[in-house]
Amino acid sequence: MKRYQAGWTLWGLAAVMALVAFFALLAIKLLPAYFDNFKVRQALEGLAKEPGVTAMGRQEILTGLDKRMYIDYVDRVVDLRQALIIEKTKEGMKLRVAYQRVIPLAYNISALLDFDEQVTVGLR
């Protein structure tokens, strides 16, 4: 009787290693952008917890967010003058930071990430 060998072929191993390398590249390139977005979210939530935010003007809110983001080294990632949207509502205001990041992956292949974080600040 013929016995069959079980195991990986060289091509099968190469294909699996290529997939592992591809997803490792994605993780290495994209995770820092998601960590930066997490810091932007923390800056928004921290500003929303300050007393009297609803009485602040746009420039004061920009300055407060810019200081918080400077501490976390996110100030170079997001241009707050373009990304910050302030909406006044009956309950208070919504602070929203919407921006895009283009992450080059390899050669002329890039990933476009859309981030949109918002917090609601109620009247106190």
PDB file of N, CA and C in Angstrom:
ATOM      1  N   MET A   1       0.834  -1.183   0.000  1.00  0.00           N
ATOM      2  CA  MET A   1       0.000   0.000   0.000  1.00  0.00           C
ATOM      3  C   MET A   1       0.880   1.248   0.000  1.00  0.00           C
ATOM      4  N   LYS A   2       0.402   2.169  -0.699  1.00  0.00           N
ATOM      5  CA  LYS A   2       1.105   3.433  -0.783  1.00  0.00           C
ATOM      6  C   LYS A   2       0.784   4.290   0.439  1.00  0.00           C
ATOM      7  N   ARG A   3       1.779   4.888   1.015  1.00  0.00           N
ATOM      8  CA  ARG A   3       1.548   5.796   2.143  1.00  0.00           C
ATOM      9  C   ARG A   3       1.686   7.231   1.643  1.00  0.00           C
ATOM     10  N   TYR A   4       0.760   8.051   2.085  1.00  0.00           N
ATOM     11  CA  TYR A   4       0.774   9.446   1.674  1.00  0.00           C
ATOM     12  C   TYR A   4       1.463  10.281   2.736  1.00  0.00           C
ATOM     13  N   GLN A   5       2.220  11.209   2.282  1.00  0.00           N
ATOM     14  CA  GLN A   5       2.878  12.121   3.214  1.00  0.00           C
ATOM     15  C   GLN A   5       1.932  13.277   3.528  1.00  0.00           C
ATOM     16  N   ALA A   6       1.951  13.671   4.761  1.00  0.00           N
ATOM     17  CA  ALA A   6       1.147  14.819   5.167  1.00  0.00           C
ATOM     18  C   ALA A   6       2.092  15.946   5.537  1.00  0.00           C
ATOM     19  N   GLY A   7       1.680  17.161   5.282  1.00  0.00           N
ATOM     20  CA  GLY A   7       2.513  18.306   5.638  1.00  0.00           C
ATOM     21  C   GLY A   7       2.362  19.425   4.631  1.00  0.00           C
ATOM     22  N   TRP A   8       3.174  20.403   4.814  1.00  0.00           N
ATOM     23  CA  TRP A   8       3.110  21.590   3.984  1.00  0.00           C
ATOM     24  C   TRP A   8       4.060  21.447   2.795  1.00  0.00           C
ATOM     25  N   THR A   9       3.598  21.960   1.682  1.00  0.00           N
ATOM     26  CA  THR A   9       4.496  22.067   0.545  1.00  0.00           C
ATOM     27  C   THR A   9       5.217  23.405   0.640  1.00  0.00           C
ATOM     28  N   LEU A  10       6.216  23.575  -0.137  1.00  0.00           N
ATOM     29  CA  LEU A  10       6.958  24.830  -0.137  1.00  0.00           C
ATOM     30  C   LEU A  10       6.059  25.979  -0.577  1.00  0.00           C
ATOM     31  N   TRP A  11       5.191  25.724  -1.553  1.00  0.00           N
ATOM     32  CA  TRP A  11       4.283  26.766  -2.035  1.00  0.00           C
ATOM     33  C   TRP A  11       3.217  27.107  -0.995  1.00  0.00           C
ATOM     34  N   GLY A  12       2.731  26.128  -0.311  1.00  0.00           N
ATOM     35  CA  GLY A  12       1.750  26.393   0.737  1.00  0.00           C
ATOM     36  C   GLY A  12       2.341  27.222   1.870  1.00  0.00           C
ATOM     37  N   LEU A  13       3.546  26.883   2.267  1.00  0.00           N
ATOM     38  CA  LEU A  13       4.231  27.643   3.306  1.00  0.00           C
ATOM     39  C   LEU A  13       4.508  29.064   2.839  1.00  0.00           C
ATOM     40  N   ALA A  14       4.912  29.240   1.595  1.00  0.00           N
ATOM     41  CA  ALA A  14       5.183  30.578   1.057  1.00  0.00           C
ATOM     42  C   ALA A  14       3.910  31.420   1.025  1.00  0.00           C
ATOM     43  N   ALA A  15       2.789  30.812   0.661  1.00  0.00           N
ATOM     44  CA  ALA A  15       1.521  31.554   0.615  1.00  0.00           C
ATOM     45  C   ALA A  15       1.104  31.997   2.011  1.00  0.00           C
ATOM     46  N   VAL A  16       1.221  31.125   2.986  1.00  0.00           N
ATOM     47  CA  VAL A  16       0.853  31.469   4.360  1.00  0.00           C
ATOM     48  C   VAL A  16       1.784  32.556   4.902  1.00  0.00           C
ATOM     49  N   MET A  17       3.069  32.449   4.622  1.00  0.00           N
ATOM     50  CA  MET A  17       4.015  33.462   5.089  1.00  0.00           C
ATOM     51  C   MET A  17       3.753  34.813   4.425  1.00  0.00           C
ATOM     52  N   ALA A  18       3.343  34.804   3.156  1.00  0.00           N
ATOM     53  CA  ALA A  18       3.009  36.057   2.477  1.00  0.00           C
ATOM     54  C   ALA A  18       1.792  36.707   3.124  1.00  0.00           C
ATOM     55  N   LEU A  19       0.781  35.917   3.483  1.00  0.00           N
ATOM     56  CA  LEU A  19      -0.394  36.463   4.164  1.00  0.00           C
ATOM     57  C   LEU A  19      -0.038  37.014   5.541  1.00  0.00           C
ATOM     58  N   VAL A  20       0.786  36.297   6.273  1.00  0.00           N
ATOM     59  CA  VAL A  20       1.221  36.774   7.594  1.00  0.00           C
ATOM     60  C   VAL A  20       2.004  38.077   7.448  1.00  0.00           C
ATOM     61  N   ALA A  21       2.881  38.155   6.465  1.00  0.00           N
ATOM     62  CA  ALA A  21       3.664  39.372   6.237  1.00  0.00           C
ATOM     63  C   ALA A  21       2.764  40.538   5.841  1.00  0.00           C
ATOM     64  N   PHE A  22       1.750  40.285   5.009  1.00  0.00           N
ATOM     65  CA  PHE A  22       0.827  41.334   4.590  1.00  0.00           C
ATOM     66  C   PHE A  22       0.068  41.910   5.783  1.00  0.00           C
ATOM     67  N   PHE A  23      -0.489  41.037   6.614  1.00  0.00           N
ATOM     68  CA  PHE A  23      -1.252  41.528   7.762  1.00  0.00           C
ATOM     69  C   PHE A  23      -0.351  42.157   8.824  1.00  0.00           C
ATOM     70  N   ALA A  24       0.882  41.697   8.938  1.00  0.00           N
ATOM     71  CA  ALA A  24       1.837  42.331   9.852  1.00  0.00           C
ATOM     72  C   ALA A  24       2.174  43.740   9.358  1.00  0.00           C
ATOM     73  N   LEU A  25       2.341  43.904   8.054  1.00  0.00           N
ATOM     74  CA  LEU A  25       2.593  45.226   7.476  1.00  0.00           C
ATOM     75  C   LEU A  25       1.421  46.160   7.744  1.00  0.00           C
ATOM     76  N   LEU A  26       0.202  45.661   7.546  1.00  0.00           N
ATOM     77  CA  LEU A  26      -0.982  46.484   7.827  1.00  0.00           C
ATOM     78  C   LEU A  26      -1.010  46.919   9.285  1.00  0.00           C
ATOM     79  N   ALA A  27      -0.750  45.999  10.174  1.00  0.00           N
ATOM     80  CA  ALA A  27      -0.777  46.333  11.602  1.00  0.00           C
ATOM     81  C   ALA A  27       0.305  47.348  11.951  1.00  0.00           C
ATOM     82  N   ILE A  28       1.499  47.160  11.442  1.00  0.00           N
ATOM     83  CA  ILE A  28       2.604  48.071  11.754  1.00  0.00           C
ATOM     84  C   ILE A  28       2.336  49.468  11.211  1.00  0.00           C
ATOM     85  N   LYS A  29       1.736  49.566  10.045  1.00  0.00           N
ATOM     86  CA  LYS A  29       1.485  50.867   9.427  1.00  0.00           C
ATOM     87  C   LYS A  29       0.240  51.560   9.970  1.00  0.00           C
ATOM     88  N   LEU A  30      -0.837  50.798  10.270  1.00  0.00           N
ATOM     89  CA  LEU A  30      -2.117  51.417  10.612  1.00  0.00           C
ATOM     90  C   LEU A  30      -2.341  51.630  12.105  1.00  0.00           C
ATOM     91  N   LEU A  31      -1.765  50.807  12.951  1.00  0.00           N
ATOM     92  CA  LEU A  31      -2.014  50.940  14.387  1.00  0.00           C
ATOM     93  C   LEU A  31      -1.606  52.301  14.965  1.00  0.00           C
ATOM     94  N   PRO A  32      -0.487  52.899  14.564  1.00  0.00           N
ATOM     95  CA  PRO A  32      -0.173  54.237  15.103  1.00  0.00           C
ATOM     96  C   PRO A  32      -1.251  55.285  14.800  1.00  0.00           C
ATOM     97  N   ALA A  33      -1.879  55.208  13.629  1.00  0.00           N
ATOM     98  CA  ALA A  33      -2.946  56.149  13.297  1.00  0.00           C
ATOM     99  C   ALA A  33      -4.153  55.946  14.211  1.00  0.00           C
ATOM    100  N   TYR A  34      -4.453  54.710  14.555  1.00  0.00           N
ATOM    101  CA  TYR A  34      -5.567  54.447  15.459  1.00  0.00           C
ATOM    102  C   TYR A  34      -5.230  54.870  16.894  1.00  0.00           C
ATOM    103  N   PHE A  35      -3.970  54.732  17.291  1.00  0.00           N
ATOM    104  CA  PHE A  35      -3.558  55.224  18.615  1.00  0.00           C
ATOM    105  C   PHE A  35      -3.671  56.739  18.675  1.00  0.00           C
ATOM    106  N   ASP A  36      -3.295  57.425  17.591  1.00  0.00           N
ATOM    107  CA  ASP A  36      -3.438  58.881  17.541  1.00  0.00           C
ATOM    108  C   ASP A  36      -4.911  59.284  17.632  1.00  0.00           C
ATOM    109  N   ASN A  37      -5.771  58.544  16.955  1.00  0.00           N
ATOM    110  CA  ASN A  37      -7.200  58.845  17.031  1.00  0.00           C
ATOM    111  C   ASN A  37      -7.729  58.631  18.447  1.00  0.00           C
ATOM    112  N   PHE A  38      -7.218  57.634  19.139  1.00  0.00           N
ATOM    113  CA  PHE A  38      -7.610  57.412  20.531  1.00  0.00           C
ATOM    114  C   PHE A  38      -7.217  58.614  21.390  1.00  0.00           C
ATOM    115  N   LYS A  39      -6.052  59.194  21.131  1.00  0.00           N
ATOM    116  CA  LYS A  39      -5.613  60.372  21.878  1.00  0.00           C
ATOM    117  C   LYS A  39      -6.457  61.594  21.548  1.00  0.00           C
ATOM    118  N   VAL A  40      -6.892  61.712  20.296  1.00  0.00           N
ATOM    119  CA  VAL A  40      -7.796  62.803  19.918  1.00  0.00           C
ATOM    120  C   VAL A  40      -9.106  62.657  20.677  1.00  0.00           C
ATOM    121  N   ARG A  41      -9.614  61.441  20.756  1.00  0.00           N
ATOM    122  CA  ARG A  41     -10.863  61.182  21.488  1.00  0.00           C
ATOM    123  C   ARG A  41     -10.701  61.539  22.969  1.00  0.00           C
ATOM    124  N   GLN A  42      -9.560  61.168  23.563  1.00  0.00           N
ATOM    125  CA  GLN A  42      -9.312  61.510  24.968  1.00  0.00           C
ATOM    126  C   GLN A  42      -9.245  63.017  25.169  1.00  0.00           C
ATOM    127  N   ALA A  43      -8.640  63.732  24.223  1.00  0.00           N
ATOM    128  CA  ALA A  43      -8.561  65.186  24.326  1.00  0.00           C
ATOM    129  C   ALA A  43      -9.949  65.805  24.259  1.00  0.00           C
ATOM    130  N   LEU A  44     -10.800  65.293  23.374  1.00  0.00           N
ATOM    131  CA  LEU A  44     -12.175  65.796  23.281  1.00  0.00           C
ATOM    132  C   LEU A  44     -12.946  65.532  24.567  1.00  0.00           C
ATOM    133  N   GLU A  45     -12.848  64.321  25.089  1.00  0.00           N
ATOM    134  CA  GLU A  45     -13.565  63.982  26.316  1.00  0.00           C
ATOM    135  C   GLU A  45     -13.040  64.776  27.501  1.00  0.00           C
ATOM    136  N   GLY A  46     -11.741  64.999  27.555  1.00  0.00           N
ATOM    137  CA  GLY A  46     -11.166  65.798  28.641  1.00  0.00           C
ATOM    138  C   GLY A  46     -11.631  67.232  28.595  1.00  0.00           C
ATOM    139  N   LEU A  47     -11.710  67.806  27.396  1.00  0.00           N
ATOM    140  CA  LEU A  47     -12.192  69.178  27.264  1.00  0.00           C
ATOM    141  C   LEU A  47     -13.672  69.263  27.613  1.00  0.00           C
ATOM    142  N   ALA A  48     -14.431  68.238  27.258  1.00  0.00           N
ATOM    143  CA  ALA A  48     -15.870  68.246  27.544  1.00  0.00           C
ATOM    144  C   ALA A  48     -16.145  68.197  29.045  1.00  0.00           C
ATOM    145  N   LYS A  49     -15.209  67.665  29.830  1.00  0.00           N
ATOM    146  CA  LYS A  49     -15.409  67.573  31.279  1.00  0.00           C
ATOM    147  C   LYS A  49     -15.073  68.878  32.008  1.00  0.00           C
ATOM    148  N   GLU A  50     -14.414  69.791  31.316  1.00  0.00           N
ATOM    149  CA  GLU A  50     -14.086  71.062  31.961  1.00  0.00           C
ATOM    150  C   GLU A  50     -15.349  71.884  32.187  1.00  0.00           C
ATOM    151  N   PRO A  51     -15.405  72.590  33.309  1.00  0.00           N
ATOM    152  CA  PRO A  51     -16.587  73.430  33.549  1.00  0.00           C
ATOM    153  C   PRO A  51     -16.581  74.655  32.633  1.00  0.00           C
ATOM    154  N   GLY A  52     -17.751  75.022  32.167  1.00  0.00           N
ATOM    155  CA  GLY A  52     -17.905  76.224  31.358  1.00  0.00           C
ATOM    156  C   GLY A  52     -17.520  76.081  29.905  1.00  0.00           C
ATOM    157  N   VAL A  53     -17.467  74.877  29.402  1.00  0.00           N
ATOM    158  CA  VAL A  53     -17.094  74.676  27.997  1.00  0.00           C
ATOM    159  C   VAL A  53     -18.148  75.256  27.075  1.00  0.00           C
ATOM    160  N   THR A  54     -19.401  75.156  27.458  1.00  0.00           N
ATOM    161  CA  THR A  54     -20.469  75.647  26.588  1.00  0.00           C
ATOM    162  C   THR A  54     -20.421  77.163  26.430  1.00  0.00           C
ATOM    163  N   ALA A  55     -19.785  77.856  27.357  1.00  0.00           N
ATOM    164  CA  ALA A  55     -19.674  79.314  27.264  1.00  0.00           C
ATOM    165  C   ALA A  55     -18.431  79.748  26.493  1.00  0.00           C
ATOM    166  N   MET A  56     -17.549  78.809  26.164  1.00  0.00           N
ATOM    167  CA  MET A  56     -16.320  79.147  25.446  1.00  0.00           C
ATOM    168  C   MET A  56     -16.606  79.440  23.983  1.00  0.00           C
ATOM    169  N   GLY A  57     -15.761  80.277  23.415  1.00  0.00           N
ATOM    170  CA  GLY A  57     -15.822  80.546  21.989  1.00  0.00           C
ATOM    171  C   GLY A  57     -14.989  79.546  21.218  1.00  0.00           C
ATOM    172  N   ARG A  58     -15.046  79.648  19.896  1.00  0.00           N
ATOM    173  CA  ARG A  58     -14.305  78.711  19.049  1.00  0.00           C
ATOM    174  C   ARG A  58     -12.804  78.773  19.325  1.00  0.00           C
ATOM    175  N   GLN A  59     -12.259  79.978  19.471  1.00  0.00           N
ATOM    176  CA  GLN A  59     -10.824  80.110  19.676  1.00  0.00           C
ATOM    177  C   GLN A  59     -10.385  79.503  21.009  1.00  0.00           C
ATOM    178  N   GLU A  60     -11.191  79.671  22.049  1.00  0.00           N
ATOM    179  CA  GLU A  60     -10.861  79.077  23.351  1.00  0.00           C
ATOM    180  C   GLU A  60     -10.897  77.542  23.289  1.00  0.00           C
ATOM    181  N   ILE A  61     -11.879  77.011  22.576  1.00  0.00           N
ATOM    182  CA  ILE A  61     -11.974  75.560  22.424  1.00  0.00           C
ATOM    183  C   ILE A  61     -10.786  75.043  21.613  1.00  0.00           C
ATOM    184  N   LEU A  62     -10.432  75.759  20.546  1.00  0.00           N
ATOM    185  CA  LEU A  62      -9.255  75.376  19.749  1.00  0.00           C
ATOM    186  C   LEU A  62      -7.994  75.376  20.597  1.00  0.00           C
ATOM    187  N   THR A  63      -7.827  76.396  21.409  1.00  0.00           N
ATOM    188  CA  THR A  63      -6.638  76.492  22.260  1.00  0.00           C
ATOM    189  C   THR A  63      -6.610  75.352  23.276  1.00  0.00           C
ATOM    190  N   GLY A  64      -7.743  75.060  23.902  1.00  0.00           N
ATOM    191  CA  GLY A  64      -7.812  73.974  24.878  1.00  0.00           C
ATOM    192  C   GLY A  64      -7.506  72.618  24.263  1.00  0.00           C
ATOM    193  N   LEU A  65      -8.085  72.363  23.100  1.00  0.00           N
ATOM    194  CA  LEU A  65      -7.818  71.092  22.420  1.00  0.00           C
ATOM    195  C   LEU A  65      -6.371  71.019  21.938  1.00  0.00           C
ATOM    196  N   ASP A  66      -5.868  72.136  21.436  1.00  0.00           N
ATOM    197  CA  ASP A  66      -4.498  72.152  20.934  1.00  0.00           C
ATOM    198  C   ASP A  66      -3.495  71.868  22.051  1.00  0.00           C
ATOM    199  N   LYS A  67      -3.723  72.406  23.220  1.00  0.00           N
ATOM    200  CA  LYS A  67      -2.829  72.140  24.357  1.00  0.00           C
ATOM    201  C   LYS A  67      -2.867  70.665  24.745  1.00  0.00           C
ATOM    202  N   ARG A  68      -4.047  70.091  24.790  1.00  0.00           N
ATOM    203  CA  ARG A  68      -4.177  68.680  25.157  1.00  0.00           C
ATOM    204  C   ARG A  68      -3.533  67.775  24.104  1.00  0.00           C
ATOM    205  N   MET A  69      -3.697  68.132  22.855  1.00  0.00           N
ATOM    206  CA  MET A  69      -3.138  67.309  21.791  1.00  0.00           C
ATOM    207  C   MET A  69      -1.622  67.507  21.674  1.00  0.00           C
ATOM    208  N   TYR A  70      -1.117  68.679  22.031  1.00  0.00           N
ATOM    209  CA  TYR A  70       0.321  68.922  22.016  1.00  0.00           C
ATOM    210  C   TYR A  70       1.027  68.034  23.042  1.00  0.00           C
ATOM    211  N   ILE A  71       0.400  67.847  24.179  1.00  0.00           N
ATOM    212  CA  ILE A  71       0.977  67.004  25.230  1.00  0.00           C
ATOM    213  C   ILE A  71       1.121  65.561  24.746  1.00  0.00           C
ATOM    214  N   ASP A  72       0.150  65.085  23.978  1.00  0.00           N
ATOM    215  CA  ASP A  72       0.167  63.699  23.491  1.00  0.00           C
ATOM    216  C   ASP A  72       0.813  63.564  22.112  1.00  0.00           C
ATOM    217  N   TYR A  73       1.452  64.619  21.606  1.00  0.00           N
ATOM    218  CA  TYR A  73       2.129  64.605  20.311  1.00  0.00           C
ATOM    219  C   TYR A  73       1.190  64.293  19.151  1.00  0.00           C
ATOM    220  N   VAL A  74      -0.041  64.757  19.235  1.00  0.00           N
ATOM    221  CA  VAL A  74      -1.003  64.536  18.161  1.00  0.00           C
ATOM    222  C   VAL A  74      -1.241  65.828  17.391  1.00  0.00           C
ATOM    223  N   ASP A  75      -0.618  66.909  17.811  1.00  0.00           N
ATOM    224  CA  ASP A  75      -0.877  68.197  17.182  1.00  0.00           C
ATOM    225  C   ASP A  75      -0.433  68.248  15.720  1.00  0.00           C
ATOM    226  N   ARG A  76       0.541  67.442  15.333  1.00  0.00           N
ATOM    227  CA  ARG A  76       1.009  67.425  13.949  1.00  0.00           C
ATOM    228  C   ARG A  76       0.150  66.534  13.066  1.00  0.00           C
ATOM    229  N   VAL A  77      -0.692  65.724  13.660  1.00  0.00           N
ATOM    230  CA  VAL A  77      -1.507  64.766  12.902  1.00  0.00           C
ATOM    231  C   VAL A  77      -2.804  65.409  12.409  1.00  0.00           C
ATOM    232  N   VAL A  78      -3.406  66.239  13.247  1.00  0.00           N
ATOM    233  CA  VAL A  78      -4.719  66.800  12.951  1.00  0.00           C
ATOM    234  C   VAL A  78      -4.613  68.324  12.902  1.00  0.00           C
ATOM    235  N   ASP A  79      -5.123  68.913  11.832  1.00  0.00           N
ATOM    236  CA  ASP A  79      -5.231  70.366  11.741  1.00  0.00           C
ATOM    237  C   ASP A  79      -6.593  70.760  12.304  1.00  0.00           C
ATOM    238  N   LEU A  80      -6.597  71.215  13.549  1.00  0.00           N
ATOM    239  CA  LEU A  80      -7.861  71.500  14.227  1.00  0.00           C
ATOM    240  C   LEU A  80      -8.641  72.638  13.572  1.00  0.00           C
ATOM    241  N   ARG A  81      -7.976  73.560  12.947  1.00  0.00           N
ATOM    242  CA  ARG A  81      -8.692  74.676  12.317  1.00  0.00           C
ATOM    243  C   ARG A  81      -9.646  74.180  11.230  1.00  0.00           C
ATOM    244  N   GLN A  82      -9.280  73.095  10.579  1.00  0.00           N
ATOM    245  CA  GLN A  82     -10.156  72.526   9.553  1.00  0.00           C
ATOM    246  C   GLN A  82     -11.021  71.391  10.101  1.00  0.00           C
ATOM    247  N   ALA A  83     -10.518  70.651  11.061  1.00  0.00           N
ATOM    248  CA  ALA A  83     -11.197  69.429  11.507  1.00  0.00           C
ATOM    249  C   ALA A  83     -12.256  69.673  12.576  1.00  0.00           C
ATOM    250  N   LEU A  84     -12.150  70.758  13.345  1.00  0.00           N
ATOM    251  CA  LEU A  84     -13.077  70.988  14.455  1.00  0.00           C
ATOM    252  C   LEU A  84     -14.387  71.571  13.954  1.00  0.00           C
ATOM    253  N   ILE A  85     -15.477  70.935  14.349  1.00  0.00           N
ATOM    254  CA  ILE A  85     -16.829  71.399  14.034  1.00  0.00           C
ATOM    255  C   ILE A  85     -17.569  71.554  15.357  1.00  0.00           C
ATOM    256  N   ILE A  86     -18.117  72.742  15.589  1.00  0.00           N
ATOM    257  CA  ILE A  86     -18.861  73.020  16.818  1.00  0.00           C
ATOM    258  C   ILE A  86     -20.306  73.269  16.438  1.00  0.00           C
ATOM    259  N   GLU A  87     -21.195  72.484  17.015  1.00  0.00           N
ATOM    260  CA  GLU A  87     -22.629  72.631  16.756  1.00  0.00           C
ATOM    261  C   GLU A  87     -23.332  72.981  18.052  1.00  0.00           C
ATOM    262  N   LYS A  88     -24.053  74.076  18.046  1.00  0.00           N
ATOM    263  CA  LYS A  88     -24.859  74.466  19.211  1.00  0.00           C
ATOM    264  C   LYS A  88     -26.207  73.761  19.110  1.00  0.00           C
ATOM    265  N   THR A  89     -26.632  73.156  20.227  1.00  0.00           N
ATOM    266  CA  THR A  89     -27.928  72.494  20.290  1.00  0.00           C
ATOM    267  C   THR A  89     -28.702  73.034  21.485  1.00  0.00           C
ATOM    268  N   LYS A  90     -29.932  72.586  21.633  1.00  0.00           N
ATOM    269  CA  LYS A  90     -30.741  73.018  22.772  1.00  0.00           C
ATOM    270  C   LYS A  90     -30.186  72.490  24.088  1.00  0.00           C
ATOM    271  N   GLU A  91     -29.593  71.297  24.031  1.00  0.00           N
ATOM    272  CA  GLU A  91     -29.055  70.672  25.237  1.00  0.00           C
ATOM    273  C   GLU A  91     -27.658  71.179  25.595  1.00  0.00           C
ATOM    274  N   GLY A  92     -26.967  71.836  24.693  1.00  0.00           N
ATOM    275  CA  GLY A  92     -25.605  72.299  24.931  1.00  0.00           C
ATOM    276  C   GLY A  92     -24.881  72.471  23.616  1.00  0.00           C
ATOM    277  N   MET A  93     -23.836  71.693  23.416  1.00  0.00           N
ATOM    278  CA  MET A  93     -23.110  71.736  22.149  1.00  0.00           C
ATOM    279  C   MET A  93     -22.470  70.397  21.856  1.00  0.00           C
ATOM    280  N   LYS A  94     -22.200  70.186  20.576  1.00  0.00           N
ATOM    281  CA  LYS A  94     -21.479  69.001  20.131  1.00  0.00           C
ATOM    282  C   LYS A  94     -20.127  69.454  19.603  1.00  0.00           C
ATOM    283  N   LEU A  95     -19.090  68.836  20.112  1.00  0.00           N
ATOM    284  CA  LEU A  95     -17.739  69.067  19.613  1.00  0.00           C
ATOM    285  C   LEU A  95     -17.368  67.869  18.754  1.00  0.00           C
ATOM    286  N   ARG A  96     -16.946  68.136  17.541  1.00  0.00           N
ATOM    287  CA  ARG A  96     -16.677  67.059  16.601  1.00  0.00           C
ATOM    288  C   ARG A  96     -15.353  67.325  15.894  1.00  0.00           C
ATOM    289  N   VAL A  97     -14.533  66.314  15.814  1.00  0.00           N
ATOM    290  CA  VAL A  97     -13.283  66.386  15.063  1.00  0.00           C
ATOM    291  C   VAL A  97     -13.342  65.308  13.987  1.00  0.00           C
ATOM    292  N   ALA A  98     -13.396  65.753  12.733  1.00  0.00           N
ATOM    293  CA  ALA A  98     -13.468  64.839  11.594  1.00  0.00           C
ATOM    294  C   ALA A  98     -12.265  65.107  10.695  1.00  0.00           C
ATOM    295  N   TYR A  99     -11.483  64.057  10.440  1.00  0.00           N
ATOM    296  CA  TYR A  99     -10.296  64.222   9.619  1.00  0.00           C
ATOM    297  C   TYR A  99      -9.961  62.917   8.915  1.00  0.00           C
ATOM    298  N   GLN A 100      -9.062  63.013   7.942  1.00  0.00           N
ATOM    299  CA  GLN A 100      -8.615  61.852   7.179  1.00  0.00           C
ATOM    300  C   GLN A 100      -7.109  61.716   7.305  1.00  0.00           C
ATOM    301  N   ARG A 101      -6.649  60.476   7.263  1.00  0.00           N
ATOM    302  CA  ARG A 101      -5.208  60.186   7.239  1.00  0.00           C
ATOM    303  C   ARG A 101      -4.930  59.289   6.049  1.00  0.00           C
ATOM    304  N   VAL A 102      -3.914  59.606   5.309  1.00  0.00           N
ATOM    305  CA  VAL A 102      -3.457  58.764   4.211  1.00  0.00           C
ATOM    306  C   VAL A 102      -2.152  58.124   4.664  1.00  0.00           C
ATOM    307  N   ILE A 103      -2.141  56.810   4.733  1.00  0.00           N
ATOM    308  CA  ILE A 103      -0.980  56.061   5.197  1.00  0.00           C
ATOM    309  C   ILE A 103      -0.383  55.308   4.003  1.00  0.00           C
ATOM    310  N   PRO A 104       0.831  55.659   3.585  1.00  0.00           N
ATOM    311  CA  PRO A 104       1.456  54.895   2.493  1.00  0.00           C
ATOM    312  C   PRO A 104       1.848  53.500   2.976  1.00  0.00           C
ATOM    313  N   LEU A 105       1.471  52.494   2.215  1.00  0.00           N
ATOM    314  CA  LEU A 105       1.767  51.105   2.585  1.00  0.00           C
ATOM    315  C   LEU A 105       3.004  50.593   1.859  1.00  0.00           C
ATOM    316  N   ALA A 106       2.947  50.548   0.545  1.00  0.00           N
ATOM    317  CA  ALA A 106       4.081  50.080  -0.251  1.00  0.00           C
ATOM    318  C   ALA A 106       3.938  50.626  -1.665  1.00  0.00           C
ATOM    319  N   TYR A 107       5.038  51.100  -2.215  1.00  0.00           N
ATOM    320  CA  TYR A 107       5.070  51.666  -3.565  1.00  0.00           C
ATOM    321  C   TYR A 107       3.994  52.733  -3.702  1.00  0.00           C
ATOM    322  N   ASN A 108       3.019  52.541  -4.595  1.00  0.00           N
ATOM    323  CA  ASN A 108       1.970  53.535  -4.770  1.00  0.00           C
ATOM    324  C   ASN A 108       0.648  53.084  -4.148  1.00  0.00           C
ATOM    325  N   ILE A 109       0.705  52.215  -3.177  1.00  0.00           N
ATOM    326  CA  ILE A 109      -0.485  51.725  -2.482  1.00  0.00           C
ATOM    327  C   ILE A 109      -0.586  52.445  -1.142  1.00  0.00           C
ATOM    328  N   SER A 110      -1.739  53.063  -0.900  1.00  0.00           N
ATOM    329  CA  SER A 110      -1.959  53.801   0.349  1.00  0.00           C
ATOM    330  C   SER A 110      -3.291  53.402   0.945  1.00  0.00           C
ATOM    331  N   ALA A 111      -3.415  53.625   2.249  1.00  0.00           N
ATOM    332  CA  ALA A 111      -4.678  53.381   2.954  1.00  0.00           C
ATOM    333  C   ALA A 111      -5.241  54.730   3.380  1.00  0.00           C
ATOM    334  N   LEU A 112      -6.516  54.953   3.115  1.00  0.00           N
ATOM    335  CA  LEU A 112      -7.196  56.172   3.530  1.00  0.00           C
ATOM    336  C   LEU A 112      -8.058  55.841   4.736  1.00  0.00           C
ATOM    337  N   LEU A 113      -7.797  56.510   5.858  1.00  0.00           N
ATOM    338  CA  LEU A 113      -8.551  56.284   7.088  1.00  0.00           C
ATOM    339  C   LEU A 113      -9.371  57.522   7.389  1.00  0.00           C
ATOM    340  N   ASP A 114     -10.673  57.340   7.581  1.00  0.00           N
ATOM    341  CA  ASP A 114     -11.569  58.431   7.965  1.00  0.00           C
ATOM    342  C   ASP A 114     -11.865  58.312   9.443  1.00  0.00           C
ATOM    343  N   PHE A 115     -11.616  59.391  10.184  1.00  0.00           N
ATOM    344  CA  PHE A 115     -11.905  59.421  11.611  1.00  0.00           C
ATOM    345  C   PHE A 115     -12.928  60.511  11.875  1.00  0.00           C
ATOM    346  N   ASP A 116     -13.875  60.217  12.734  1.00  0.00           N
ATOM    347  CA  ASP A 116     -14.918  61.179  13.090  1.00  0.00           C
ATOM    348  C   ASP A 116     -15.280  60.953  14.554  1.00  0.00           C
ATOM    349  N   GLU A 117     -14.756  61.794  15.413  1.00  0.00           N
ATOM    350  CA  GLU A 117     -15.011  61.679  16.854  1.00  0.00           C
ATOM    351  C   GLU A 117     -15.865  62.861  17.292  1.00  0.00           C
ATOM    352  N   GLN A 118     -16.820  62.593  18.174  1.00  0.00           N
ATOM    353  CA  GLN A 118     -17.634  63.693  18.692  1.00  0.00           C
ATOM    354  C   GLN A 118     -18.048  63.424  20.122  1.00  0.00           C
ATOM    355  N   VAL A 119     -18.206  64.504  20.863  1.00  0.00           N
ATOM    356  CA  VAL A 119     -18.707  64.444  22.234  1.00  0.00           C
ATOM    357  C   VAL A 119     -19.786  65.496  22.369  1.00  0.00           C
ATOM    358  N   THR A 120     -20.736  65.215  23.233  1.00  0.00           N
ATOM    359  CA  THR A 120     -21.808  66.147  23.521  1.00  0.00           C
ATOM    360  C   THR A 120     -21.576  66.747  24.886  1.00  0.00           C
ATOM    361  N   VAL A 121     -21.617  68.058  24.951  1.00  0.00           N
ATOM    362  CA  VAL A 121     -21.413  68.782  26.208  1.00  0.00           C
ATOM    363  C   VAL A 121     -22.746  69.401  26.577  1.00  0.00           C
ATOM    364  N   GLY A 122     -23.282  68.998  27.727  1.00  0.00           N
ATOM    365  CA  GLY A 122     -24.553  69.521  28.176  1.00  0.00           C
ATOM    366  C   GLY A 122     -24.392  70.800  28.970  1.00  0.00           C
ATOM    367  N   LEU A 123     -25.469  71.548  29.051  1.00  0.00           N
ATOM    368  CA  LEU A 123     -25.465  72.767  29.859  1.00  0.00           C
ATOM    369  C   LEU A 123     -25.374  72.401  31.321  1.00  0.00           C
ATOM    370  N   ARG A 124     -24.610  73.177  32.067  1.00  0.00           N
ATOM    371  CA  ARG A 124     -24.462  72.877  33.499  1.00  0.00           C
ATOM    372  C   ARG A 124     -24.895  74.040  34.315  1.00  0.00           C
TER     373      ARG A 124
END
